[in-house]
Amino acid sequence: MSEQFSDGICGGWSPVRQVTLEEKQIFDEVRPMIEKKVGTNFEMYFPTVYSSQVVSGLNYMVKVLVDLCGDGVCVDAKIFQDLPCRGGELTVTEVQYPTPFYDVLEPV
């Protein structure tokens, strides 16, 4: 039997939500890692929506608006945050770029 939380199933991804100040601080902290993986420095960097997954730590999947050209250009990034007892280190594990703003954020 699977254990359930208020926002989903244990080990499953949460529904996609608007980024709050708390998550924005995390996503801002990994900006240099995302820029390095993409190979460019963004003039604009606005995290818009995210989903999270409880594992032995926390996975985030975030859509970041990085350019207003056309319908908007985004980076979709997967971020792992280790457990606090292990230092809580943040690691960018996957980046998809460019992605359209209107594309649905789908955790992988």
Foldseek 3Di string as FASTA:
>chain_A
DWDADPQGTAQDKGPKDFDDPVVVVVVVVCQVVQCVVVVHRAPAWAWTIWIWHDDQFIKIWTWIFRDPPDQTWTKTWIWTFHDVVVPRDIDTDDIDPTDGPPDDGDDD
